[in-house]
PDB file of N, CA and C in Angstrom:
ATOM      1  N   UNK A   1      15.956  13.251-109.975  1.00  0.00           N
ATOM      2  CA  UNK A   1      16.922  13.987-110.746  1.00  0.00           C
ATOM      3  C   UNK A   1      17.030  13.342-112.119  1.00  0.00           C
ATOM      4  N   UNK A   2      16.326  13.859-113.059  1.00  0.00           N
ATOM      5  CA  UNK A   2      16.326  13.310-114.408  1.00  0.00           C
ATOM      6  C   UNK A   2      17.078  14.251-115.335  1.00  0.00           C
ATOM      7  N   UNK A   3      17.900  13.670-116.202  1.00  0.00           N
ATOM      8  CA  UNK A   3      18.675  14.452-117.155  1.00  0.00           C
ATOM      9  C   UNK A   3      18.019  14.340-118.515  1.00  0.00           C
ATOM     10  N   UNK A   4      18.148  15.369-119.322  1.00  0.00           N
ATOM     11  CA  UNK A   4      17.677  15.252-120.697  1.00  0.00           C
ATOM     12  C   UNK A   4      18.731  14.493-121.490  1.00  0.00           C
ATOM     13  N   UNK A   5      18.317  13.936-122.642  1.00  0.00           N
ATOM     14  CA  UNK A   5      19.217  13.106-123.439  1.00  0.00           C
ATOM     15  C   UNK A   5      20.497  13.822-123.856  1.00  0.00           C
ATOM     16  N   UNK A   6      20.427  15.169-124.089  1.00  0.00           N
ATOM     17  CA  UNK A   6      21.615  15.868-124.545  1.00  0.00           C
ATOM     18  C   UNK A   6      22.604  16.135-123.407  1.00  0.00           C
ATOM     19  N   UNK A   7      22.243  15.832-122.175  1.00  0.00           N
ATOM     20  CA  UNK A   7      23.142  16.036-121.039  1.00  0.00           C
ATOM     21  C   UNK A   7      23.747  14.737-120.527  1.00  0.00           C
ATOM     22  N   UNK A   8      23.365  13.606-121.059  1.00  0.00           N
ATOM     23  CA  UNK A   8      23.874  12.334-120.562  1.00  0.00           C
ATOM     24  C   UNK A   8      25.332  12.162-120.975  1.00  0.00           C
ATOM     25  N   UNK A   9      26.169  11.734-120.028  1.00  0.00           N
ATOM     26  CA  UNK A   9      27.589  11.550-120.346  1.00  0.00           C
ATOM     27  C   UNK A   9      27.804  10.310-121.209  1.00  0.00           C
ATOM     28  N   UNK A  10      28.900  10.255-121.949  1.00  0.00           N
ATOM     29  CA  UNK A  10      29.198   9.049-122.728  1.00  0.00           C
ATOM     30  C   UNK A  10      29.561   7.892-121.795  1.00  0.00           C
ATOM     31  N   UNK A  11      29.486   6.698-122.304  1.00  0.00           N
ATOM     32  CA  UNK A  11      29.818   5.500-121.527  1.00  0.00           C
ATOM     33  C   UNK A  11      31.285   5.530-121.119  1.00  0.00           C
ATOM     34  N   UNK A  12      31.585   5.315-119.831  1.00  0.00           N
ATOM     35  CA  UNK A  12      32.982   5.309-119.400  1.00  0.00           C
ATOM     36  C   UNK A  12      33.757   4.068-119.861  1.00  0.00           C
ATOM     37  N   UNK A  13      33.051   3.032-120.309  1.00  0.00           N
ATOM     38  CA  UNK A  13      33.713   1.811-120.766  1.00  0.00           C
ATOM     39  C   UNK A  13      34.085   1.859-122.250  1.00  0.00           C
ATOM     40  N   UNK A  14      33.099   2.248-123.091  1.00  0.00           N
ATOM     41  CA  UNK A  14      33.344   2.190-124.539  1.00  0.00           C
ATOM     42  C   UNK A  14      33.221   3.551-125.235  1.00  0.00           C
ATOM     43  N   UNK A  15      32.904   4.601-124.481  1.00  0.00           N
ATOM     44  CA  UNK A  15      32.784   5.979-124.977  1.00  0.00           C
ATOM     45  C   UNK A  15      31.603   6.201-125.918  1.00  0.00           C
ATOM     46  N   UNK A  16      30.654   5.276-125.953  1.00  0.00           N
ATOM     47  CA  UNK A  16      29.469   5.455-126.781  1.00  0.00           C
ATOM     48  C   UNK A  16      28.640   6.623-126.256  1.00  0.00           C
ATOM     49  N   UNK A  17      28.067   7.408-127.158  1.00  0.00           N
ATOM     50  CA  UNK A  17      27.228   8.529-126.739  1.00  0.00           C
ATOM     51  C   UNK A  17      25.745   8.163-126.789  1.00  0.00           C
ATOM     52  N   UNK A  18      25.426   6.867-126.843  1.00  0.00           N
ATOM     53  CA  UNK A  18      24.045   6.396-126.911  1.00  0.00           C
ATOM     54  C   UNK A  18      23.471   6.032-125.539  1.00  0.00           C
ATOM     55  N   UNK A  19      24.041   6.549-124.456  1.00  0.00           N
ATOM     56  CA  UNK A  19      23.589   6.204-123.109  1.00  0.00           C
ATOM     57  C   UNK A  19      22.151   6.641-122.873  1.00  0.00           C
ATOM     58  N   UNK A  20      21.476   5.915-121.980  1.00  0.00           N
ATOM     59  CA  UNK A  20      20.105   6.256-121.605  1.00  0.00           C
ATOM     60  C   UNK A  20      19.894   5.954-120.130  1.00  0.00           C
ATOM     61  N   UNK A  21      18.842   6.547-119.553  1.00  0.00           N
ATOM     62  CA  UNK A  21      18.522   6.323-118.151  1.00  0.00           C
ATOM     63  C   UNK A  21      17.670   5.074-118.013  1.00  0.00           C
ATOM     64  N   UNK A  22      17.971   4.268-116.982  1.00  0.00           N
ATOM     65  CA  UNK A  22      17.217   3.056-116.689  1.00  0.00           C
ATOM     66  C   UNK A  22      17.113   2.958-115.173  1.00  0.00           C
ATOM     67  N   UNK A  23      15.973   3.397-114.630  1.00  0.00           N
ATOM     68  CA  UNK A  23      15.834   3.446-113.178  1.00  0.00           C
ATOM     69  C   UNK A  23      16.774   4.495-112.643  1.00  0.00           C
ATOM     70  N   UNK A  24      17.601   4.153-111.672  1.00  0.00           N
ATOM     71  CA  UNK A  24      18.568   5.085-111.118  1.00  0.00           C
ATOM     72  C   UNK A  24      19.932   4.996-111.772  1.00  0.00           C
ATOM     73  N   UNK A  25      20.025   4.278-112.876  1.00  0.00           N
ATOM     74  CA  UNK A  25      21.308   4.050-113.524  1.00  0.00           C
ATOM     75  C   UNK A  25      21.331   4.645-114.923  1.00  0.00           C
ATOM     76  N   UNK A  26      22.532   4.877-115.412  1.00  0.00           N
ATOM     77  CA  UNK A  26      22.748   5.178-116.821  1.00  0.00           C
ATOM     78  C   UNK A  26      23.215   3.873-117.452  1.00  0.00           C
ATOM     79  N   UNK A  27      22.741   3.583-118.655  1.00  0.00           N
ATOM     80  CA  UNK A  27      23.049   2.312-119.304  1.00  0.00           C
ATOM     81  C   UNK A  27      23.554   2.567-120.713  1.00  0.00           C
ATOM     82  N   UNK A  28      24.541   1.787-121.113  1.00  0.00           N
ATOM     83  CA  UNK A  28      25.084   1.868-122.467  1.00  0.00           C
ATOM     84  C   UNK A  28      24.527   0.688-123.275  1.00  0.00           C
ATOM     85  N   UNK A  29      23.801   0.950-124.363  1.00  0.00           N
ATOM     86  CA  UNK A  29      23.267  -0.155-125.159  1.00  0.00           C
ATOM     87  C   UNK A  29      24.337  -0.878-125.981  1.00  0.00           C
ATOM     88  N   UNK A  30      25.500  -0.280-126.136  1.00  0.00           N
ATOM     89  CA  UNK A  30      26.553  -0.887-126.947  1.00  0.00           C
ATOM     90  C   UNK A  30      27.320  -1.967-126.187  1.00  0.00           C
ATOM     91  N   UNK A  31      27.645  -1.701-124.895  1.00  0.00           N
ATOM     92  CA  UNK A  31      28.441  -2.672-124.138  1.00  0.00           C
ATOM     93  C   UNK A  31      27.730  -3.152-122.869  1.00  0.00           C
ATOM     94  N   UNK A  32      26.511  -2.675-122.615  1.00  0.00           N
ATOM     95  CA  UNK A  32      25.687  -3.067-121.468  1.00  0.00           C
ATOM     96  C   UNK A  32      26.261  -2.610-120.129  1.00  0.00           C
ATOM     97  N   UNK A  33      27.168  -1.652-120.133  1.00  0.00           N
ATOM     98  CA  UNK A  33      27.724  -1.122-118.888  1.00  0.00           C
ATOM     99  C   UNK A  33      26.681  -0.246-118.205  1.00  0.00           C
ATOM    100  N   UNK A  34      26.553  -0.386-116.879  1.00  0.00           N
ATOM    101  CA  UNK A  34      25.642   0.440-116.089  1.00  0.00           C
ATOM    102  C   UNK A  34      26.433   1.194-115.037  1.00  0.00           C
ATOM    103  N   UNK A  35      26.058   2.446-114.778  1.00  0.00           N
ATOM    104  CA  UNK A  35      26.687   3.248-113.749  1.00  0.00           C
ATOM    105  C   UNK A  35      25.700   4.290-113.270  1.00  0.00           C
ATOM    106  N   UNK A  36      26.000   4.891-112.122  1.00  0.00           N
ATOM    107  CA  UNK A  36      25.115   5.918-111.589  1.00  0.00           C
ATOM    108  C   UNK A  36      25.547   7.277-112.112  1.00  0.00           C
ATOM    109  N   UNK A  37      24.584   8.162-112.253  1.00  0.00           N
ATOM    110  CA  UNK A  37      24.862   9.493-112.785  1.00  0.00           C
ATOM    111  C   UNK A  37      25.712  10.308-111.826  1.00  0.00           C
ATOM    112  N   UNK A  38      25.590  10.046-110.541  1.00  0.00           N
ATOM    113  CA  UNK A  38      26.335  10.824-109.555  1.00  0.00           C
ATOM    114  C   UNK A  38      27.558  10.067-109.040  1.00  0.00           C
ATOM    115  N   UNK A  39      28.104   9.152-109.835  1.00  0.00           N
ATOM    116  CA  UNK A  39      29.313   8.420-109.441  1.00  0.00           C
ATOM    117  C   UNK A  39      30.497   9.379-109.510  1.00  0.00           C
ATOM    118  N   UNK A  40      30.856   9.956-108.357  1.00  0.00           N
ATOM    119  CA  UNK A  40      31.923  10.951-108.323  1.00  0.00           C
ATOM    120  C   UNK A  40      33.301  10.331-108.141  1.00  0.00           C
ATOM    121  N   UNK A  41      33.353   9.206-107.462  1.00  0.00           N
ATOM    122  CA  UNK A  41      34.641   8.588-107.170  1.00  0.00           C
ATOM    123  C   UNK A  41      34.966   7.529-108.212  1.00  0.00           C
ATOM    124  N   UNK A  42      35.777   7.865-109.182  1.00  0.00           N
ATOM    125  CA  UNK A  42      36.120   6.938-110.268  1.00  0.00           C
ATOM    126  C   UNK A  42      36.981   5.773-109.778  1.00  0.00           C
ATOM    127  N   UNK A  43      37.604   5.922-108.599  1.00  0.00           N
ATOM    128  CA  UNK A  43      38.446   4.862-108.057  1.00  0.00           C
ATOM    129  C   UNK A  43      37.655   3.845-107.246  1.00  0.00           C
ATOM    130  N   UNK A  44      36.364   4.033-107.095  1.00  0.00           N
ATOM    131  CA  UNK A  44      35.544   3.127-106.288  1.00  0.00           C
ATOM    132  C   UNK A  44      35.491   1.746-106.940  1.00  0.00           C
ATOM    133  N   UNK A  45      35.380   0.727-106.105  1.00  0.00           N
ATOM    134  CA  UNK A  45      35.274  -0.648-106.567  1.00  0.00           C
ATOM    135  C   UNK A  45      33.982  -0.806-107.374  1.00  0.00           C
ATOM    136  N   UNK A  46      34.031  -1.319-108.598  1.00  0.00           N
ATOM    137  CA  UNK A  46      32.808  -1.490-109.382  1.00  0.00           C
ATOM    138  C   UNK A  46      31.911  -2.555-108.759  1.00  0.00           C
ATOM    139  N   UNK A  47      30.613  -2.359-108.877  1.00  0.00           N
ATOM    140  CA  UNK A  47      29.644  -3.296-108.336  1.00  0.00           C
ATOM    141  C   UNK A  47      29.190  -4.213-109.457  1.00  0.00           C
ATOM    142  N   UNK A  48      29.288  -5.516-109.232  1.00  0.00           N
ATOM    143  CA  UNK A  48      28.819  -6.489-110.216  1.00  0.00           C
ATOM    144  C   UNK A  48      27.357  -6.761-109.920  1.00  0.00           C
ATOM    145  N   UNK A  49      26.534  -6.726-110.946  1.00  0.00           N
ATOM    146  CA  UNK A  49      25.097  -6.917-110.792  1.00  0.00           C
ATOM    147  C   UNK A  49      24.643  -8.131-111.601  1.00  0.00           C
ATOM    148  N   UNK A  50      23.578  -8.771-111.093  1.00  0.00           N
ATOM    149  CA  UNK A  50      23.029  -9.934-111.788  1.00  0.00           C
ATOM    150  C   UNK A  50      22.151  -9.504-112.954  1.00  0.00           C
ATOM    151  N   UNK A  51      21.457 -10.445-113.572  1.00  0.00           N
ATOM    152  CA  UNK A  51      20.657 -10.174-114.766  1.00  0.00           C
ATOM    153  C   UNK A  51      19.514  -9.199-114.520  1.00  0.00           C
ATOM    154  N   UNK A  52      19.061  -9.054-113.272  1.00  0.00           N
ATOM    155  CA  UNK A  52      17.955  -8.143-112.968  1.00  0.00           C
ATOM    156  C   UNK A  52      18.402  -6.915-112.184  1.00  0.00           C
ATOM    157  N   UNK A  53      19.709  -6.752-111.996  1.00  0.00           N
ATOM    158  CA  UNK A  53      20.228  -5.543-111.359  1.00  0.00           C
ATOM    159  C   UNK A  53      20.580  -5.636-109.889  1.00  0.00           C
ATOM    160  N   UNK A  54      20.442  -6.803-109.281  1.00  0.00           N
ATOM    161  CA  UNK A  54      20.812  -6.960-107.873  1.00  0.00           C
ATOM    162  C   UNK A  54      22.329  -7.030-107.743  1.00  0.00           C
ATOM    163  N   UNK A  55      22.906  -6.341-106.745  1.00  0.00           N
ATOM    164  CA  UNK A  55      24.362  -6.426-106.562  1.00  0.00           C
ATOM    165  C   UNK A  55      24.774  -7.817-106.080  1.00  0.00           C
ATOM    166  N   UNK A  56      25.900  -8.300-106.583  1.00  0.00           N
ATOM    167  CA  UNK A  56      26.427  -9.616-106.203  1.00  0.00           C
ATOM    168  C   UNK A  56      27.720  -9.444-105.412  1.00  0.00           C
ATOM    169  N   UNK A  57      27.899 -10.288-104.394  1.00  0.00           N
ATOM    170  CA  UNK A  57      29.121 -10.296-103.592  1.00  0.00           C
ATOM    171  C   UNK A  57      29.571 -11.738-103.394  1.00  0.00           C
ATOM    172  N   UNK A  58      30.824 -11.899-102.965  1.00  0.00           N
ATOM    173  CA  UNK A  58      31.351 -13.235-102.681  1.00  0.00           C
ATOM    174  C   UNK A  58      30.444 -13.972-101.701  1.00  0.00           C
ATOM    175  N   UNK A  59      30.196 -15.260-101.969  1.00  0.00           N
ATOM    176  CA  UNK A  59      29.414 -16.088-101.066  1.00  0.00           C
ATOM    177  C   UNK A  59      27.924 -16.128-101.375  1.00  0.00           C
ATOM    178  N   UNK A  60      27.441 -15.296-102.282  1.00  0.00           N
ATOM    179  CA  UNK A  60      26.021 -15.298-102.632  1.00  0.00           C
ATOM    180  C   UNK A  60      25.616 -16.616-103.273  1.00  0.00           C
ATOM    181  N   UNK A  61      24.317 -16.904-103.200  1.00  0.00           N
ATOM    182  CA  UNK A  61      23.732 -18.033-103.910  1.00  0.00           C
ATOM    183  C   UNK A  61      22.939 -17.460-105.068  1.00  0.00           C
ATOM    184  N   UNK A  62      23.143 -18.019-106.252  1.00  0.00           N
ATOM    185  CA  UNK A  62      22.473 -17.535-107.454  1.00  0.00           C
ATOM    186  C   UNK A  62      21.804 -18.693-108.176  1.00  0.00           C
ATOM    187  N   UNK A  63      20.878 -18.361-109.078  1.00  0.00           N
ATOM    188  CA  UNK A  63      20.279 -19.364-109.952  1.00  0.00           C
ATOM    189  C   UNK A  63      20.554 -18.958-111.397  1.00  0.00           C
ATOM    190  N   UNK A  64      20.667 -19.946-112.264  1.00  0.00           N
ATOM    191  CA  UNK A  64      20.914 -19.716-113.687  1.00  0.00           C
ATOM    192  C   UNK A  64      19.593 -19.291-114.330  1.00  0.00           C
ATOM    193  N   UNK A  65      19.597 -18.215-115.129  1.00  0.00           N
ATOM    194  CA  UNK A  65      18.364 -17.708-115.733  1.00  0.00           C
ATOM    195  C   UNK A  65      18.185 -18.122-117.193  1.00  0.00           C
ATOM    196  N   UNK A  66      19.163 -18.796-117.771  1.00  0.00           N
ATOM    197  CA  UNK A  66      19.002 -19.325-119.131  1.00  0.00           C
ATOM    198  C   UNK A  66      19.871 -20.564-119.276  1.00  0.00           C
ATOM    199  N   UNK A  67      19.425 -21.510-120.082  1.00  0.00           N
ATOM    200  CA  UNK A  67      20.190 -22.737-120.290  1.00  0.00           C
ATOM    201  C   UNK A  67      21.537 -22.403-120.921  1.00  0.00           C
ATOM    202  N   UNK A  68      22.588 -23.054-120.405  1.00  0.00           N
ATOM    203  CA  UNK A  68      23.941 -22.773-120.867  1.00  0.00           C
ATOM    204  C   UNK A  68      24.625 -24.059-121.295  1.00  0.00           C
ATOM    205  N   UNK A  69      25.260 -24.022-122.459  1.00  0.00           N
ATOM    206  CA  UNK A  69      26.098 -25.139-122.878  1.00  0.00           C
ATOM    207  C   UNK A  69      27.461 -24.938-122.239  1.00  0.00           C
ATOM    208  N   UNK A  70      27.972 -25.976-121.598  1.00  0.00           N
ATOM    209  CA  UNK A  70      29.264 -25.894-120.921  1.00  0.00           C
ATOM    210  C   UNK A  70      30.340 -26.400-121.856  1.00  0.00           C
ATOM    211  N   UNK A  71      31.329 -25.542-122.115  1.00  0.00           N
ATOM    212  CA  UNK A  71      32.449 -25.923-122.970  1.00  0.00           C
ATOM    213  C   UNK A  71      33.526 -26.574-122.113  1.00  0.00           C
ATOM    214  N   UNK A  72      34.376 -27.323-122.749  1.00  0.00           N
ATOM    215  CA  UNK A  72      35.493 -27.924-122.030  1.00  0.00           C
ATOM    216  C   UNK A  72      35.301 -29.406-121.833  1.00  0.00           C
ATOM    217  N   UNK A  73      35.950 -29.940-120.811  1.00  0.00           N
ATOM    218  CA  UNK A  73      35.957 -31.384-120.596  1.00  0.00           C
ATOM    219  C   UNK A  73      34.562 -31.933-120.349  1.00  0.00           C
ATOM    220  N   UNK A  74      34.113 -32.767-121.220  1.00  0.00           N
ATOM    221  CA  UNK A  74      32.823 -33.420-121.042  1.00  0.00           C
ATOM    222  C   UNK A  74      31.644 -32.661-121.598  1.00  0.00           C
ATOM    223  N   UNK A  75      31.718 -31.370-121.661  1.00  0.00           N
ATOM    224  CA  UNK A  75      30.607 -30.579-122.181  1.00  0.00           C
ATOM    225  C   UNK A  75      29.394 -30.672-121.281  1.00  0.00           C
ATOM    226  N   UNK A  76      28.225 -30.734-121.855  1.00  0.00           N
ATOM    227  CA  UNK A  76      26.976 -30.795-121.106  1.00  0.00           C
ATOM    228  C   UNK A  76      26.292 -29.447-121.102  1.00  0.00           C
ATOM    229  N   UNK A  77      25.273 -29.318-120.248  1.00  0.00           N
ATOM    230  CA  UNK A  77      24.576 -28.040-120.158  1.00  0.00           C
ATOM    231  C   UNK A  77      24.054 -27.820-118.744  1.00  0.00           C
ATOM    232  N   UNK A  78      23.907 -26.557-118.406  1.00  0.00           N
ATOM    233  CA  UNK A  78      23.300 -26.151-117.139  1.00  0.00           C
ATOM    234  C   UNK A  78      21.888 -25.694-117.457  1.00  0.00           C
ATOM    235  N   UNK A  79      20.906 -26.226-116.752  1.00  0.00           N
ATOM    236  CA  UNK A  79      19.509 -25.905-117.012  1.00  0.00           C
ATOM    237  C   UNK A  79      19.092 -24.641-116.272  1.00  0.00           C
ATOM    238  N   UNK A  80      18.049 -23.992-116.774  1.00  0.00           N
ATOM    239  CA  UNK A  80      17.449 -22.839-116.091  1.00  0.00           C
ATOM    240  C   UNK A  80      17.055 -23.272-114.683  1.00  0.00           C
ATOM    241  N   UNK A  81      17.337 -22.425-113.708  1.00  0.00           N
ATOM    242  CA  UNK A  81      16.960 -22.707-112.327  1.00  0.00           C
ATOM    243  C   UNK A  81      18.014 -23.445-111.520  1.00  0.00           C
ATOM    244  N   UNK A  82      19.123 -23.836-112.154  1.00  0.00           N
ATOM    245  CA  UNK A  82      20.200 -24.510-111.421  1.00  0.00           C
ATOM    246  C   UNK A  82      20.724 -23.560-110.357  1.00  0.00           C
ATOM    247  N   UNK A  83      20.758 -24.040-109.115  1.00  0.00           N
ATOM    248  CA  UNK A  83      21.210 -23.205-108.002  1.00  0.00           C
ATOM    249  C   UNK A  83      22.709 -23.383-107.810  1.00  0.00           C
ATOM    250  N   UNK A  84      23.408 -22.259-107.653  1.00  0.00           N
ATOM    251  CA  UNK A  84      24.855 -22.263-107.449  1.00  0.00           C
ATOM    252  C   UNK A  84      25.131 -21.501-106.156  1.00  0.00           C
ATOM    253  N   UNK A  85      25.736 -22.164-105.190  1.00  0.00           N
ATOM    254  CA  UNK A  85      26.018 -21.548-103.887  1.00  0.00           C
ATOM    255  C   UNK A  85      27.474 -21.149-103.779  1.00  0.00           C
ATOM    256  N   UNK A  86      27.729 -20.135-102.968  1.00  0.00           N
ATOM    257  CA  UNK A  86      29.102 -19.746-102.650  1.00  0.00           C
ATOM    258  C   UNK A  86      29.898 -19.229-103.824  1.00  0.00           C
ATOM    259  N   UNK A  87      29.323 -18.315-104.595  1.00  0.00           N
ATOM    260  CA  UNK A  87      30.052 -17.772-105.742  1.00  0.00           C
ATOM    261  C   UNK A  87      31.221 -16.911-105.283  1.00  0.00           C
ATOM    262  N   UNK A  88      32.170 -16.723-106.164  1.00  0.00           N
ATOM    263  CA  UNK A  88      33.308 -15.856-105.877  1.00  0.00           C
ATOM    264  C   UNK A  88      33.464 -14.888-107.043  1.00  0.00           C
ATOM    265  N   UNK A  89      33.475 -13.596-106.720  1.00  0.00           N
ATOM    266  CA  UNK A  89      33.614 -12.566-107.745  1.00  0.00           C
ATOM    267  C   UNK A  89      35.080 -12.481-108.171  1.00  0.00           C
ATOM    268  N   UNK A  90      35.314 -12.431-109.484  1.00  0.00           N
ATOM    269  CA  UNK A  90      36.666 -12.303-110.016  1.00  0.00           C
ATOM    270  C   UNK A  90      36.685 -11.131-110.992  1.00  0.00           C
ATOM    271  N   UNK A  91      37.843 -10.532-111.231  1.00  0.00           N
ATOM    272  CA  UNK A  91      37.912  -9.448-112.220  1.00  0.00           C
ATOM    273  C   UNK A  91      37.580  -9.986-113.609  1.00  0.00           C
ATOM    274  N   UNK A  92      36.800  -9.220-114.357  1.00  0.00           N
ATOM    275  CA  UNK A  92      36.451  -9.610-115.723  1.00  0.00           C
ATOM    276  C   UNK A  92      37.708  -9.547-116.583  1.00  0.00           C
ATOM    277  N   UNK A  93      38.036 -10.654-117.224  1.00  0.00           N
ATOM    278  CA  UNK A  93      39.251 -10.723-118.041  1.00  0.00           C
ATOM    279  C   UNK A  93      38.989 -10.320-119.491  1.00  0.00           C
ATOM    280  N   UNK A  94      37.857  -9.679-119.743  1.00  0.00           N
ATOM    281  CA  UNK A  94      37.554  -9.227-121.086  1.00  0.00           C
ATOM    282  C   UNK A  94      36.566 -10.107-121.822  1.00  0.00           C
ATOM    283  N   UNK A  95      36.319 -11.319-121.322  1.00  0.00           N
ATOM    284  CA  UNK A  95      35.377 -12.215-121.992  1.00  0.00           C
ATOM    285  C   UNK A  95      34.006 -12.223-121.331  1.00  0.00           C
ATOM    286  N   UNK A  96      33.807 -11.388-120.313  1.00  0.00           N
ATOM    287  CA  UNK A  96      32.515 -11.282-119.654  1.00  0.00           C
ATOM    288  C   UNK A  96      32.333 -12.194-118.453  1.00  0.00           C
ATOM    289  N   UNK A  97      33.211 -13.158-118.256  1.00  0.00           N
ATOM    290  CA  UNK A  97      33.102 -14.071-117.118  1.00  0.00           C
ATOM    291  C   UNK A  97      33.640 -13.376-115.871  1.00  0.00           C
ATOM    292  N   UNK A  98      32.753 -13.099-114.912  1.00  0.00           N
ATOM    293  CA  UNK A  98      33.165 -12.388-113.707  1.00  0.00           C
ATOM    294  C   UNK A  98      32.764 -13.109-112.423  1.00  0.00           C
ATOM    295  N   UNK A  99      32.335 -14.376-112.550  1.00  0.00           N
ATOM    296  CA  UNK A  99      31.966 -15.192-111.392  1.00  0.00           C
ATOM    297  C   UNK A  99      32.644 -16.546-111.507  1.00  0.00           C
ATOM    298  N   UNK A 100      33.225 -16.987-110.405  1.00  0.00           N
ATOM    299  CA  UNK A 100      33.810 -18.324-110.321  1.00  0.00           C
ATOM    300  C   UNK A 100      32.947 -19.119-109.350  1.00  0.00           C
ATOM    301  N   UNK A 101      32.594 -20.344-109.708  1.00  0.00           N
ATOM    302  CA  UNK A 101      31.705 -21.135-108.851  1.00  0.00           C
ATOM    303  C   UNK A 101      31.966 -22.622-109.048  1.00  0.00           C
ATOM    304  N   UNK A 102      31.542 -23.393-108.052  1.00  0.00           N
ATOM    305  CA  UNK A 102      31.579 -24.846-108.156  1.00  0.00           C
ATOM    306  C   UNK A 102      30.145 -25.319-108.302  1.00  0.00           C
ATOM    307  N   UNK A 103      29.897 -26.085-109.370  1.00  0.00           N
ATOM    308  CA  UNK A 103      28.565 -26.592-109.650  1.00  0.00           C
ATOM    309  C   UNK A 103      28.618 -28.113-109.571  1.00  0.00           C
ATOM    310  N   UNK A 104      27.688 -28.683-108.816  1.00  0.00           N
ATOM    311  CA  UNK A 104      27.630 -30.138-108.672  1.00  0.00           C
ATOM    312  C   UNK A 104      27.491 -30.782-110.044  1.00  0.00           C
ATOM    313  N   UNK A 105      28.325 -31.762-110.328  1.00  0.00           N
ATOM    314  CA  UNK A 105      28.284 -32.457-111.600  1.00  0.00           C
ATOM    315  C   UNK A 105      29.140 -31.823-112.687  1.00  0.00           C
ATOM    316  N   UNK A 106      29.620 -30.597-112.460  1.00  0.00           N
ATOM    317  CA  UNK A 106      30.450 -29.914-113.448  1.00  0.00           C
ATOM    318  C   UNK A 106      31.800 -29.509-112.888  1.00  0.00           C
ATOM    319  N   UNK A 107      31.872 -29.299-111.590  1.00  0.00           N
ATOM    320  CA  UNK A 107      33.106 -28.828-110.986  1.00  0.00           C
ATOM    321  C   UNK A 107      33.180 -27.316-111.008  1.00  0.00           C
ATOM    322  N   UNK A 108      34.397 -26.795-111.054  1.00  0.00           N
ATOM    323  CA  UNK A 108      34.600 -25.355-111.029  1.00  0.00           C
ATOM    324  C   UNK A 108      34.402 -24.775-112.426  1.00  0.00           C
ATOM    325  N   UNK A 109      33.557 -23.736-112.513  1.00  0.00           N
ATOM    326  CA  UNK A 109      33.287 -23.104-113.801  1.00  0.00           C
ATOM    327  C   UNK A 109      33.284 -21.587-113.636  1.00  0.00           C
ATOM    328  N   UNK A 110      33.377 -20.892-114.765  1.00  0.00           N
ATOM    329  CA  UNK A 110      33.258 -19.440-114.800  1.00  0.00           C
ATOM    330  C   UNK A 110      31.903 -19.095-115.389  1.00  0.00           C
ATOM    331  N   UNK A 111      31.241 -18.099-114.798  1.00  0.00           N
ATOM    332  CA  UNK A 111      29.929 -17.661-115.265  1.00  0.00           C
ATOM    333  C   UNK A 111      29.935 -16.163-115.529  1.00  0.00           C
ATOM    334  N   UNK A 112      29.001 -15.716-116.327  1.00  0.00           N
ATOM    335  CA  UNK A 112      28.797 -14.291-116.544  1.00  0.00           C
ATOM    336  C   UNK A 112      27.669 -13.831-115.619  1.00  0.00           C
ATOM    337  N   UNK A 113      27.832 -12.661-115.030  1.00  0.00           N
ATOM    338  CA  UNK A 113      26.808 -12.154-114.128  1.00  0.00           C
ATOM    339  C   UNK A 113      25.497 -11.898-114.866  1.00  0.00           C
ATOM    340  N   UNK A 114      25.537 -11.754-116.174  1.00  0.00           N
ATOM    341  CA  UNK A 114      24.326 -11.496-116.959  1.00  0.00           C
ATOM    342  C   UNK A 114      23.424 -12.727-117.105  1.00  0.00           C
ATOM    343  N   UNK A 115      23.894 -13.908-116.697  1.00  0.00           N
ATOM    344  CA  UNK A 115      23.078 -15.121-116.837  1.00  0.00           C
ATOM    345  C   UNK A 115      22.700 -15.719-115.486  1.00  0.00           C
ATOM    346  N   UNK A 116      22.884 -14.957-114.403  1.00  0.00           N
ATOM    347  CA  UNK A 116      22.496 -15.444-113.075  1.00  0.00           C
ATOM    348  C   UNK A 116      21.589 -14.428-112.395  1.00  0.00           C
ATOM    349  N   UNK A 117      20.808 -14.928-111.427  1.00  0.00           N
ATOM    350  CA  UNK A 117      19.943 -14.074-110.620  1.00  0.00           C
ATOM    351  C   UNK A 117      20.165 -14.454-109.161  1.00  0.00           C
ATOM    352  N   UNK A 118      20.322 -13.437-108.313  1.00  0.00           N
ATOM    353  CA  UNK A 118      20.535 -13.665-106.900  1.00  0.00           C
ATOM    354  C   UNK A 118      19.342 -14.408-106.310  1.00  0.00           C
ATOM    355  N   UNK A 119      19.612 -15.474-105.553  1.00  0.00           N
ATOM    356  CA  UNK A 119      18.540 -16.279-104.969  1.00  0.00           C
ATOM    357  C   UNK A 119      18.107 -15.723-103.622  1.00  0.00           C
TER     358      UNK A 119
END
């Protein structure tokens, strides 16, 4: 079921009309929001996806896909490939951080789903 560009709905997050099809999803290039074309139930729980599109749930193990500088006490950085077990999904507070996790050597940190990949 493919739609032509003039039939694609605007982004439900930012109302951009620049949406495009990507696999089975509609994607907004302005805010990176992804949704399905046949999403009829607007009250459904949103699915958080990793950097490659895999759905994430509480308790998953993920790996970091890009080096990250850690802000806050002590600073430091997380290297590519760092494994993080037992993640917990949290509501996005507007800054993009939607994962809470404990990382050895850093303690409890917040991560963005766009920088992790399901292991």
